[in-house]
Amino acid sequence: MRKPIIVGNWKMNKTCKETVEFINAIEPVLHDAADYGVGAPFTALKDATSTAKNLIIAAENCHFEDNGAFTGEVSVPMLEELNVKYCIIGHSERRTMFADTDETVNKKAKRLVKAGITPIVCIGETEAQYDAGETEKVIRSQLTGSLADMCADCVKDIVIAYEPIWAIGTGKSASKDDAQNCCAIVR
């Protein structure tokens, strides 16, 4: 039986002070039933990683290049310096608003694995794709593209996060069967 991992993404929320307050409040109630974590904004990562004892701290994104003229981006070496062990990539908002593709997610995943940082690769279908019965096709395509040319040893520790895009902020939610079917496709 796999131990569940539950990571909430803060998006563009929480200041450094709020981050420390949250972590100090949540740490005492964490338990061994799952591994728990948060995806914190870059500005709060240093405070988050230095405060957390049991809570997983994930970056919300990274760039696949180590340096260069990429205004506003965060490199993997920057994350390493902050002792970040997980990084969310391919989030639906990054794919839709910032033009992340399976190819760029793949480059990020490869760079993170090389650094020993666990990628949390997000995959999921839109409502139109769900309604059209294309969930499996979309999931397989995103997985194939996001993990292209990666060896089995490199992929074994990657976390795949199924996020049905149609359920984010809509008041709708995926059923247990929807989630289990997608987990089966991933496996």
N, C-alpha and C. Protein backbone atom coordinates (compact mmCIF):
# COMPACT_ATOMS: atom_id res chain seq x y z
N MET A 1 0.84 -1.19 0.00
CA MET A 1 0.00 0.00 0.00
C MET A 1 0.88 1.24 0.00
N ARG A 2 0.62 2.12 -0.93
CA ARG A 2 1.38 3.38 -1.01
C ARG A 2 0.90 4.34 0.06
N LYS A 3 1.82 5.08 0.62
CA LYS A 3 1.45 6.12 1.56
C LYS A 3 0.99 7.34 0.76
N PRO A 4 -0.19 7.84 1.04
CA PRO A 4 -0.69 9.00 0.29
C PRO A 4 0.20 10.22 0.52
N ILE A 5 0.25 11.05 -0.49
CA ILE A 5 0.92 12.35 -0.38
C ILE A 5 -0.12 13.40 -0.73
N ILE A 6 -0.27 14.37 0.16
CA ILE A 6 -1.27 15.42 -0.01
C ILE A 6 -0.53 16.75 0.04
N VAL A 7 -0.51 17.44 -1.10
CA VAL A 7 0.18 18.72 -1.19
C VAL A 7 -0.80 19.78 -1.70
N GLY A 8 -0.99 20.81 -0.90
CA GLY A 8 -1.82 21.93 -1.30
C GLY A 8 -0.97 23.02 -1.91
N ASN A 9 -1.47 23.63 -2.96
CA ASN A 9 -0.72 24.67 -3.67
C ASN A 9 -1.26 26.03 -3.25
N TRP A 10 -0.40 26.89 -2.70
CA TRP A 10 -0.85 28.19 -2.22
C TRP A 10 -1.03 29.21 -3.33
N LYS A 11 -0.50 28.92 -4.50
CA LYS A 11 -0.59 29.85 -5.65
C LYS A 11 0.07 31.17 -5.27
N MET A 12 -0.57 32.30 -5.50
CA MET A 12 0.03 33.60 -5.18
C MET A 12 -0.57 34.12 -3.88
N ASN A 13 -0.43 33.32 -2.82
CA ASN A 13 -0.97 33.64 -1.50
C ASN A 13 0.09 33.37 -0.44
N LYS A 14 -0.04 34.01 0.66
CA LYS A 14 0.78 33.91 1.87
C LYS A 14 2.10 34.67 1.76
N THR A 15 2.26 35.57 2.70
CA THR A 15 3.52 36.30 2.85
C THR A 15 4.49 35.40 3.62
N CYS A 16 5.70 35.85 3.80
CA CYS A 16 6.67 35.08 4.58
C CYS A 16 6.18 34.89 6.02
N LYS A 17 5.67 35.96 6.61
CA LYS A 17 5.16 35.90 7.99
C LYS A 17 3.99 34.91 8.08
N GLU A 18 3.06 34.99 7.14
CA GLU A 18 1.91 34.09 7.14
C GLU A 18 2.35 32.64 6.93
N THR A 19 3.39 32.45 6.15
CA THR A 19 3.93 31.10 5.91
C THR A 19 4.42 30.49 7.21
N VAL A 20 5.23 31.23 7.94
CA VAL A 20 5.77 30.73 9.21
C VAL A 20 4.65 30.46 10.20
N GLU A 21 3.68 31.35 10.28
CA GLU A 21 2.54 31.15 11.19
C GLU A 21 1.76 29.89 10.82
N PHE A 22 1.52 29.69 9.54
CA PHE A 22 0.77 28.51 9.10
C PHE A 22 1.54 27.23 9.44
N ILE A 23 2.82 27.20 9.10
CA ILE A 23 3.62 25.99 9.34
C ILE A 23 3.69 25.68 10.83
N ASN A 24 3.90 26.69 11.64
CA ASN A 24 3.95 26.46 13.09
C ASN A 24 2.61 25.96 13.64
N ALA A 25 1.51 26.38 13.04
CA ALA A 25 0.19 25.92 13.48
C ALA A 25 -0.13 24.52 13.00
N ILE A 26 0.33 24.16 11.79
CA ILE A 26 -0.05 22.87 11.20
C ILE A 26 0.86 21.71 11.62
N GLU A 27 2.12 21.99 11.88
CA GLU A 27 3.08 20.93 12.23
C GLU A 27 2.60 20.03 13.37
N PRO A 28 2.05 20.60 14.47
CA PRO A 28 1.64 19.73 15.59
C PRO A 28 0.49 18.77 15.28
N VAL A 29 -0.29 19.04 14.23
CA VAL A 29 -1.43 18.17 13.94
C VAL A 29 -1.18 17.21 12.79
N LEU A 30 0.01 17.24 12.20
CA LEU A 30 0.33 16.27 11.14
C LEU A 30 0.43 14.88 11.74
N HIS A 31 0.05 13.88 10.98
CA HIS A 31 0.13 12.50 11.46
C HIS A 31 0.67 11.61 10.35
N ASP A 32 0.96 10.38 10.69
CA ASP A 32 1.65 9.46 9.78
C ASP A 32 0.76 8.81 8.73
N ALA A 33 -0.54 9.13 8.68
CA ALA A 33 -1.43 8.51 7.71
C ALA A 33 -1.07 8.90 6.28
N ALA A 34 -0.41 10.05 6.14
CA ALA A 34 -0.02 10.54 4.81
C ALA A 34 1.19 11.46 4.97
N ASP A 35 1.82 11.75 3.85
CA ASP A 35 2.83 12.80 3.81
C ASP A 35 2.12 14.06 3.36
N TYR A 36 2.26 15.13 4.11
CA TYR A 36 1.55 16.37 3.85
C TYR A 36 2.53 17.45 3.41
N GLY A 37 2.07 18.33 2.53
CA GLY A 37 2.94 19.40 2.09
C GLY A 37 2.19 20.58 1.53
N VAL A 38 2.96 21.64 1.26
CA VAL A 38 2.42 22.83 0.63
C VAL A 38 3.35 23.28 -0.48
N GLY A 39 2.76 23.79 -1.54
CA GLY A 39 3.50 24.46 -2.59
C GLY A 39 3.47 25.93 -2.26
N ALA A 40 4.62 26.47 -1.87
CA ALA A 40 4.69 27.85 -1.41
C ALA A 40 5.25 28.76 -2.51
N PRO A 41 4.84 30.03 -2.51
CA PRO A 41 5.42 30.97 -3.47
C PRO A 41 6.94 31.09 -3.26
N PHE A 42 7.64 31.43 -4.30
CA PHE A 42 9.10 31.51 -4.21
C PHE A 42 9.56 32.41 -3.08
N THR A 43 8.90 33.54 -2.89
CA THR A 43 9.33 34.48 -1.86
C THR A 43 9.27 33.90 -0.46
N ALA A 44 8.44 32.88 -0.24
CA ALA A 44 8.28 32.28 1.08
C ALA A 44 9.04 30.97 1.25
N LEU A 45 9.72 30.50 0.22
CA LEU A 45 10.38 29.20 0.30
C LEU A 45 11.47 29.13 1.37
N LYS A 46 12.27 30.15 1.49
CA LYS A 46 13.35 30.12 2.50
C LYS A 46 12.77 30.00 3.90
N ASP A 47 11.75 30.80 4.19
CA ASP A 47 11.11 30.72 5.51
C ASP A 47 10.42 29.37 5.69
N ALA A 48 9.80 28.88 4.65
CA ALA A 48 9.08 27.61 4.74
C ALA A 48 10.03 26.45 5.00
N THR A 49 11.11 26.37 4.23
CA THR A 49 12.04 25.24 4.40
C THR A 49 12.79 25.31 5.72
N SER A 50 13.03 26.50 6.23
CA SER A 50 13.74 26.61 7.51
C SER A 50 12.80 26.38 8.70
N THR A 51 11.50 26.52 8.50
CA THR A 51 10.53 26.35 9.59
C THR A 51 9.99 24.92 9.65
N ALA A 52 9.73 24.33 8.51
CA ALA A 52 9.07 23.02 8.46
C ALA A 52 9.97 21.91 9.02
N LYS A 53 9.35 21.04 9.78
CA LYS A 53 10.06 19.87 10.30
C LYS A 53 9.55 18.60 9.60
N ASN A 54 8.24 18.48 9.48
CA ASN A 54 7.62 17.31 8.88
C ASN A 54 6.83 17.62 7.62
N LEU A 55 6.49 18.86 7.42
CA LEU A 55 5.70 19.28 6.28
C LEU A 55 6.59 19.35 5.04
N ILE A 56 6.14 18.73 3.96
CA ILE A 56 6.85 18.83 2.68
C ILE A 56 6.69 20.25 2.16
N ILE A 57 7.79 20.84 1.73
CA ILE A 57 7.73 22.16 1.12
C ILE A 57 8.09 22.00 -0.35
N ALA A 58 7.19 22.43 -1.21
CA ALA A 58 7.40 22.32 -2.66
C ALA A 58 7.44 23.72 -3.27
N ALA A 59 8.30 23.89 -4.25
CA ALA A 59 8.25 25.10 -5.08
C ALA A 59 7.06 24.95 -6.02
N GLU A 60 6.53 26.06 -6.49
CA GLU A 60 5.36 26.01 -7.36
C GLU A 60 5.71 25.94 -8.84
N ASN A 61 6.97 26.05 -9.16
CA ASN A 61 7.40 25.99 -10.55
C ASN A 61 8.91 26.14 -10.58
N CYS A 62 9.50 25.91 -11.72
CA CYS A 62 10.92 26.17 -11.94
C CYS A 62 11.14 26.32 -13.44
N HIS A 63 12.33 26.76 -13.78
CA HIS A 63 12.73 26.81 -15.18
C HIS A 63 13.71 25.67 -15.42
N PHE A 64 13.77 25.18 -16.64
CA PHE A 64 14.66 24.06 -16.93
C PHE A 64 16.11 24.50 -17.16
N GLU A 65 16.35 25.78 -17.42
CA GLU A 65 17.71 26.28 -17.57
C GLU A 65 18.25 26.70 -16.20
N ASP A 66 19.55 26.59 -16.02
CA ASP A 66 20.16 26.95 -14.74
C ASP A 66 20.33 28.44 -14.56
N ASN A 67 20.40 29.17 -15.66
CA ASN A 67 20.54 30.63 -15.59
C ASN A 67 20.25 31.20 -16.97
N GLY A 68 20.17 32.52 -17.05
CA GLY A 68 19.95 33.16 -18.34
C GLY A 68 18.95 34.29 -18.24
N ALA A 69 18.61 34.82 -19.39
CA ALA A 69 17.70 35.95 -19.48
C ALA A 69 16.25 35.46 -19.47
N PHE A 70 15.80 35.01 -18.32
CA PHE A 70 14.45 34.48 -18.14
C PHE A 70 13.79 35.24 -16.99
N THR A 71 13.44 36.48 -17.24
CA THR A 71 12.92 37.37 -16.22
C THR A 71 11.77 36.73 -15.44
N GLY A 72 11.90 36.77 -14.12
CA GLY A 72 10.86 36.27 -13.24
C GLY A 72 10.88 34.77 -13.00
N GLU A 73 11.75 34.05 -13.67
CA GLU A 73 11.81 32.60 -13.51
C GLU A 73 12.71 32.21 -12.33
N VAL A 74 12.60 30.97 -11.90
CA VAL A 74 13.37 30.43 -10.79
C VAL A 74 14.08 29.17 -11.29
N SER A 75 15.39 29.10 -11.08
CA SER A 75 16.16 27.96 -11.56
C SER A 75 16.22 26.85 -10.50
N VAL A 76 16.56 25.67 -10.94
CA VAL A 76 16.72 24.54 -10.04
C VAL A 76 17.85 24.79 -9.05
N PRO A 77 19.02 25.33 -9.46
CA PRO A 77 20.04 25.64 -8.46
C PRO A 77 19.55 26.61 -7.38
N MET A 78 18.67 27.54 -7.73
CA MET A 78 18.09 28.44 -6.72
C MET A 78 17.27 27.64 -5.71
N LEU A 79 16.52 26.66 -6.21
CA LEU A 79 15.71 25.81 -5.32
C LEU A 79 16.60 24.94 -4.45
N GLU A 80 17.67 24.42 -5.03
CA GLU A 80 18.61 23.60 -4.26
C GLU A 80 19.18 24.39 -3.08
N GLU A 81 19.55 25.64 -3.35
CA GLU A 81 20.14 26.48 -2.30
C GLU A 81 19.17 26.71 -1.15
N LEU A 82 17.88 26.67 -1.45
CA LEU A 82 16.85 26.85 -0.42
C LEU A 82 16.43 25.53 0.23
N ASN A 83 17.08 24.44 -0.16
CA ASN A 83 16.80 23.11 0.39
C ASN A 83 15.40 22.61 0.04
N VAL A 84 14.91 23.00 -1.13
CA VAL A 84 13.61 22.53 -1.61
C VAL A 84 13.79 21.10 -2.13
N LYS A 85 12.89 20.21 -1.74
CA LYS A 85 12.97 18.80 -2.13
C LYS A 85 11.91 18.37 -3.13
N TYR A 86 10.88 19.22 -3.34
CA TYR A 86 9.79 18.92 -4.27
C TYR A 86 9.52 20.17 -5.10
N CYS A 87 9.01 19.97 -6.32
CA CYS A 87 8.64 21.11 -7.17
C CYS A 87 7.45 20.72 -8.04
N ILE A 88 6.40 21.52 -7.98
CA ILE A 88 5.20 21.32 -8.79
C ILE A 88 5.49 21.83 -10.21
N ILE A 89 5.22 20.99 -11.20
CA ILE A 89 5.38 21.41 -12.60
C ILE A 89 4.17 20.95 -13.41
N GLY A 90 3.87 21.70 -14.46
CA GLY A 90 2.77 21.33 -15.34
C GLY A 90 1.40 21.63 -14.78
N HIS A 91 1.32 22.45 -13.74
CA HIS A 91 0.02 22.80 -13.18
C HIS A 91 -0.87 23.37 -14.28
N SER A 92 -2.15 23.11 -14.19
CA SER A 92 -3.08 23.56 -15.24
C SER A 92 -3.00 25.06 -15.47
N GLU A 93 -2.81 25.83 -14.42
CA GLU A 93 -2.69 27.28 -14.59
C GLU A 93 -1.42 27.64 -15.36
N ARG A 94 -0.34 26.92 -15.11
CA ARG A 94 0.91 27.16 -15.83
C ARG A 94 0.73 26.75 -17.30
N ARG A 95 0.00 25.68 -17.53
CA ARG A 95 -0.22 25.23 -18.90
C ARG A 95 -1.12 26.20 -19.67
N THR A 96 -2.18 26.70 -19.03
CA THR A 96 -3.13 27.54 -19.75
C THR A 96 -2.72 29.02 -19.77
N MET A 97 -2.23 29.54 -18.67
CA MET A 97 -1.91 30.97 -18.60
C MET A 97 -0.49 31.32 -19.03
N PHE A 98 0.43 30.37 -18.86
CA PHE A 98 1.83 30.66 -19.12
C PHE A 98 2.44 29.77 -20.19
N ALA A 99 1.60 29.08 -20.93
CA ALA A 99 1.98 28.30 -22.11
C ALA A 99 2.95 27.16 -21.82
N ASP A 100 2.94 26.60 -20.60
CA ASP A 100 3.73 25.39 -20.37
C ASP A 100 3.16 24.27 -21.24
N THR A 101 4.04 23.49 -21.81
CA THR A 101 3.65 22.37 -22.67
C THR A 101 4.21 21.08 -22.07
N ASP A 102 3.80 19.97 -22.62
CA ASP A 102 4.38 18.70 -22.19
C ASP A 102 5.90 18.72 -22.38
N GLU A 103 6.36 19.36 -23.46
CA GLU A 103 7.79 19.45 -23.73
C GLU A 103 8.53 20.25 -22.65
N THR A 104 7.98 21.39 -22.25
CA THR A 104 8.66 22.17 -21.20
C THR A 104 8.55 21.48 -19.85
N VAL A 105 7.44 20.82 -19.58
CA VAL A 105 7.30 20.05 -18.35
C VAL A 105 8.34 18.94 -18.33
N ASN A 106 8.56 18.30 -19.46
CA ASN A 106 9.56 17.25 -19.58
C ASN A 106 10.96 17.77 -19.29
N LYS A 107 11.29 18.93 -19.83
CA LYS A 107 12.61 19.52 -19.57
C LYS A 107 12.78 19.86 -18.10
N LYS A 108 11.72 20.37 -17.49
CA LYS A 108 11.76 20.69 -16.06
C LYS A 108 11.92 19.42 -15.23
N ALA A 109 11.16 18.39 -15.58
CA ALA A 109 11.23 17.12 -14.84
C ALA A 109 12.64 16.54 -14.90
N LYS A 110 13.23 16.54 -16.07
CA LYS A 110 14.59 16.01 -16.22
C LYS A 110 15.58 16.79 -15.38
N ARG A 111 15.46 18.11 -15.39
CA ARG A 111 16.39 18.93 -14.62
C ARG A 111 16.21 18.74 -13.12
N LEU A 112 14.97 18.63 -12.68
CA LEU A 112 14.70 18.40 -11.26
C LEU A 112 15.24 17.05 -10.80
N VAL A 113 14.98 16.01 -11.58
CA VAL A 113 15.47 14.67 -11.23
C VAL A 113 16.99 14.67 -11.13
N LYS A 114 17.64 15.33 -12.08
CA LYS A 114 19.10 15.43 -12.07
C LYS A 114 19.60 16.06 -10.77
N ALA A 115 18.84 17.01 -10.23
CA ALA A 115 19.23 17.70 -9.00
C ALA A 115 18.79 16.96 -7.73
N GLY A 116 18.02 15.89 -7.90
CA GLY A 116 17.53 15.16 -6.72
C GLY A 116 16.31 15.81 -6.09
N ILE A 117 15.63 16.66 -6.83
CA ILE A 117 14.37 17.28 -6.37
C ILE A 117 13.22 16.51 -7.01
N THR A 118 12.24 16.12 -6.22
CA THR A 118 11.12 15.34 -6.72
C THR A 118 10.13 16.21 -7.47
N PRO A 119 9.93 15.93 -8.76
CA PRO A 119 8.90 16.66 -9.50
C PRO A 119 7.51 16.16 -9.11
N ILE A 120 6.58 17.08 -8.96
CA ILE A 120 5.17 16.76 -8.82
C ILE A 120 4.55 17.19 -10.15
N VAL A 121 4.34 16.23 -11.04
CA VAL A 121 3.86 16.52 -12.39
C VAL A 121 2.34 16.50 -12.41
N CYS A 122 1.76 17.64 -12.74
CA CYS A 122 0.30 17.77 -12.79
C CYS A 122 -0.22 17.41 -14.18
N ILE A 123 -1.28 16.63 -14.18
CA ILE A 123 -1.95 16.25 -15.42
C ILE A 123 -3.45 16.36 -15.19
N GLY A 124 -4.20 16.59 -16.24
CA GLY A 124 -5.65 16.64 -16.09
C GLY A 124 -6.33 17.19 -17.33
N GLU A 125 -7.60 16.88 -17.44
CA GLU A 125 -8.38 17.24 -18.62
C GLU A 125 -9.33 18.38 -18.33
N THR A 126 -9.69 19.10 -19.39
CA THR A 126 -10.68 20.17 -19.28
C THR A 126 -12.08 19.57 -19.21
N GLU A 127 -13.05 20.42 -18.95
CA GLU A 127 -14.43 19.94 -18.90
C GLU A 127 -14.89 19.44 -20.27
N ALA A 128 -14.49 20.16 -21.32
CA ALA A 128 -14.88 19.73 -22.68
C ALA A 128 -14.28 18.36 -22.99
N GLN A 129 -13.04 18.14 -22.61
CA GLN A 129 -12.40 16.84 -22.84
C GLN A 129 -13.05 15.75 -22.00
N TYR A 130 -13.41 16.07 -20.77
CA TYR A 130 -14.09 15.12 -19.90
C TYR A 130 -15.44 14.74 -20.48
N ASP A 131 -16.21 15.77 -20.88
CA ASP A 131 -17.55 15.52 -21.43
C ASP A 131 -17.49 14.73 -22.74
N ALA A 132 -16.40 14.90 -23.49
CA ALA A 132 -16.25 14.20 -24.77
C ALA A 132 -15.68 12.78 -24.58
N GLY A 133 -15.44 12.39 -23.33
CA GLY A 133 -14.90 11.05 -23.06
C GLY A 133 -13.43 10.92 -23.43
N GLU A 134 -12.70 12.02 -23.42
CA GLU A 134 -11.30 12.02 -23.84
C GLU A 134 -10.32 11.98 -22.67
N THR A 135 -10.79 11.73 -21.47
CA THR A 135 -9.92 11.76 -20.30
C THR A 135 -8.70 10.87 -20.46
N GLU A 136 -8.92 9.61 -20.81
CA GLU A 136 -7.79 8.68 -20.93
C GLU A 136 -6.80 9.15 -21.99
N LYS A 137 -7.29 9.59 -23.12
CA LYS A 137 -6.41 10.07 -24.20
C LYS A 137 -5.56 11.25 -23.73
N VAL A 138 -6.18 12.19 -23.03
CA VAL A 138 -5.47 13.38 -22.54
C VAL A 138 -4.42 12.99 -21.49
N ILE A 139 -4.82 12.14 -20.55
CA ILE A 139 -3.91 11.72 -19.48
C ILE A 139 -2.70 10.99 -20.07
N ARG A 140 -2.96 10.05 -20.97
CA ARG A 140 -1.85 9.31 -21.60
C ARG A 140 -0.94 10.25 -22.40
N SER A 141 -1.52 11.18 -23.12
CA SER A 141 -0.73 12.13 -23.92
C SER A 141 0.13 13.02 -23.02
N GLN A 142 -0.45 13.55 -21.96
CA GLN A 142 0.31 14.41 -21.05
C GLN A 142 1.42 13.62 -20.36
N LEU A 143 1.13 12.41 -19.94
CA LEU A 143 2.16 11.58 -19.29
C LEU A 143 3.29 11.24 -20.25
N THR A 144 2.93 10.82 -21.45
CA THR A 144 3.93 10.45 -22.45
C THR A 144 4.83 11.64 -22.77
N GLY A 145 4.24 12.81 -22.97
CA GLY A 145 5.03 13.99 -23.29
C GLY A 145 5.83 14.50 -22.12
N SER A 146 5.24 14.50 -20.93
CA SER A 146 5.91 15.03 -19.75
C SER A 146 7.05 14.15 -19.27
N LEU A 147 6.98 12.86 -19.55
CA LEU A 147 8.01 11.92 -19.08
C LEU A 147 8.84 11.35 -20.23
N ALA A 148 8.77 11.96 -21.40
CA ALA A 148 9.48 11.45 -22.59
C ALA A 148 10.98 11.30 -22.34
N ASP A 149 11.51 10.21 -22.83
CA ASP A 149 12.95 9.94 -22.79
C ASP A 149 13.54 9.91 -21.38
N MET A 150 12.73 9.58 -20.41
CA MET A 150 13.23 9.45 -19.04
C MET A 150 13.29 7.97 -18.71
N CYS A 151 14.38 7.57 -18.10
CA CYS A 151 14.56 6.16 -17.75
C CYS A 151 13.63 5.77 -16.60
N ALA A 152 13.37 4.49 -16.47
CA ALA A 152 12.47 4.00 -15.43
C ALA A 152 12.96 4.39 -14.04
N ASP A 153 14.27 4.36 -13.84
CA ASP A 153 14.83 4.73 -12.54
C ASP A 153 14.58 6.21 -12.24
N CYS A 154 14.58 7.05 -13.27
CA CYS A 154 14.34 8.49 -13.10
C CYS A 154 12.87 8.76 -12.78
N VAL A 155 11.99 7.96 -13.32
CA VAL A 155 10.55 8.20 -13.19
C VAL A 155 9.97 7.60 -11.91
N LYS A 156 10.64 6.63 -11.33
CA LYS A 156 10.05 5.88 -10.22
C LYS A 156 9.67 6.73 -9.00
N ASP A 157 10.37 7.82 -8.77
CA ASP A 157 10.08 8.65 -7.60
C ASP A 157 9.30 9.91 -7.92
N ILE A 158 8.95 10.11 -9.18
CA ILE A 158 8.16 11.28 -9.56
C ILE A 158 6.73 11.12 -9.03
N VAL A 159 6.18 12.21 -8.54
CA VAL A 159 4.79 12.22 -8.07
C VAL A 159 3.93 12.72 -9.23
N ILE A 160 2.89 11.98 -9.55
CA ILE A 160 1.94 12.40 -10.58
C ILE A 160 0.68 12.86 -9.86
N ALA A 161 0.30 14.11 -10.12
CA ALA A 161 -0.89 14.69 -9.48
C ALA A 161 -1.99 14.82 -10.53
N TYR A 162 -3.03 14.05 -10.36
CA TYR A 162 -4.18 14.18 -11.26
C TYR A 162 -5.04 15.33 -10.76
N GLU A 163 -5.20 16.34 -11.59
CA GLU A 163 -6.06 17.48 -11.26
C GLU A 163 -7.05 17.67 -12.40
N PRO A 164 -8.28 17.20 -12.21
CA PRO A 164 -9.29 17.43 -13.24
C PRO A 164 -9.56 18.93 -13.33
N ILE A 165 -9.13 19.54 -14.41
CA ILE A 165 -9.22 20.99 -14.56
C ILE A 165 -10.66 21.46 -14.42
N TRP A 166 -11.60 20.66 -14.87
CA TRP A 166 -13.00 21.01 -14.82
C TRP A 166 -13.53 21.11 -13.39
N ALA A 167 -12.78 20.61 -12.42
CA ALA A 167 -13.24 20.64 -11.03
C ALA A 167 -12.56 21.74 -10.22
N ILE A 168 -11.62 22.47 -10.81
CA ILE A 168 -10.89 23.50 -10.05
C ILE A 168 -11.70 24.79 -10.01
N GLY A 169 -12.14 25.16 -8.83
CA GLY A 169 -12.86 26.41 -8.63
C GLY A 169 -14.24 26.46 -9.25
N THR A 170 -14.78 25.31 -9.64
CA THR A 170 -16.09 25.29 -10.30
C THR A 170 -17.22 24.83 -9.38
N GLY A 171 -16.85 24.30 -8.23
CA GLY A 171 -17.85 23.73 -7.34
C GLY A 171 -18.13 22.27 -7.68
N LYS A 172 -17.59 21.79 -8.80
CA LYS A 172 -17.73 20.39 -9.18
C LYS A 172 -16.54 19.63 -8.60
N SER A 173 -16.70 18.36 -8.42
CA SER A 173 -15.56 17.56 -7.96
C SER A 173 -15.56 16.20 -8.66
N ALA A 174 -14.38 15.69 -8.81
CA ALA A 174 -14.23 14.36 -9.42
C ALA A 174 -14.75 13.32 -8.44
N SER A 175 -15.42 12.33 -8.96
CA SER A 175 -15.88 11.25 -8.10
C SER A 175 -14.70 10.36 -7.73
N LYS A 176 -14.89 9.54 -6.74
CA LYS A 176 -13.86 8.58 -6.35
C LYS A 176 -13.52 7.68 -7.54
N ASP A 177 -14.53 7.28 -8.30
CA ASP A 177 -14.30 6.43 -9.47
C ASP A 177 -13.49 7.16 -10.54
N ASP A 178 -13.79 8.46 -10.77
CA ASP A 178 -13.01 9.25 -11.74
C ASP A 178 -11.54 9.24 -11.33
N ALA A 179 -11.29 9.54 -10.07
CA ALA A 179 -9.91 9.61 -9.58
C ALA A 179 -9.22 8.24 -9.67
N GLN A 180 -9.92 7.18 -9.26
CA GLN A 180 -9.33 5.84 -9.32
C GLN A 180 -9.04 5.42 -10.76
N ASN A 181 -9.95 5.74 -11.68
CA ASN A 181 -9.72 5.40 -13.10
C ASN A 181 -8.47 6.11 -13.62
N CYS A 182 -8.30 7.37 -13.27
CA CYS A 182 -7.12 8.11 -13.73
C CYS A 182 -5.85 7.58 -13.08
N CYS A 183 -5.91 7.21 -11.81
CA CYS A 183 -4.75 6.60 -11.15
C CYS A 183 -4.37 5.30 -11.84
N ALA A 184 -5.36 4.52 -12.24
CA ALA A 184 -5.09 3.26 -12.95
C ALA A 184 -4.42 3.54 -14.30
N ILE A 185 -4.86 4.57 -15.00
CA ILE A 185 -4.24 4.95 -16.27
C ILE A 185 -2.80 5.32 -16.05
N VAL A 186 -2.53 6.12 -15.02
CA VAL A 186 -1.17 6.55 -14.72
C VAL A 186 -0.28 5.35 -14.42
N ARG A 187 -0.76 4.45 -13.61
CA ARG A 187 0.05 3.28 -13.23
C ARG A 187 0.31 2.40 -14.44
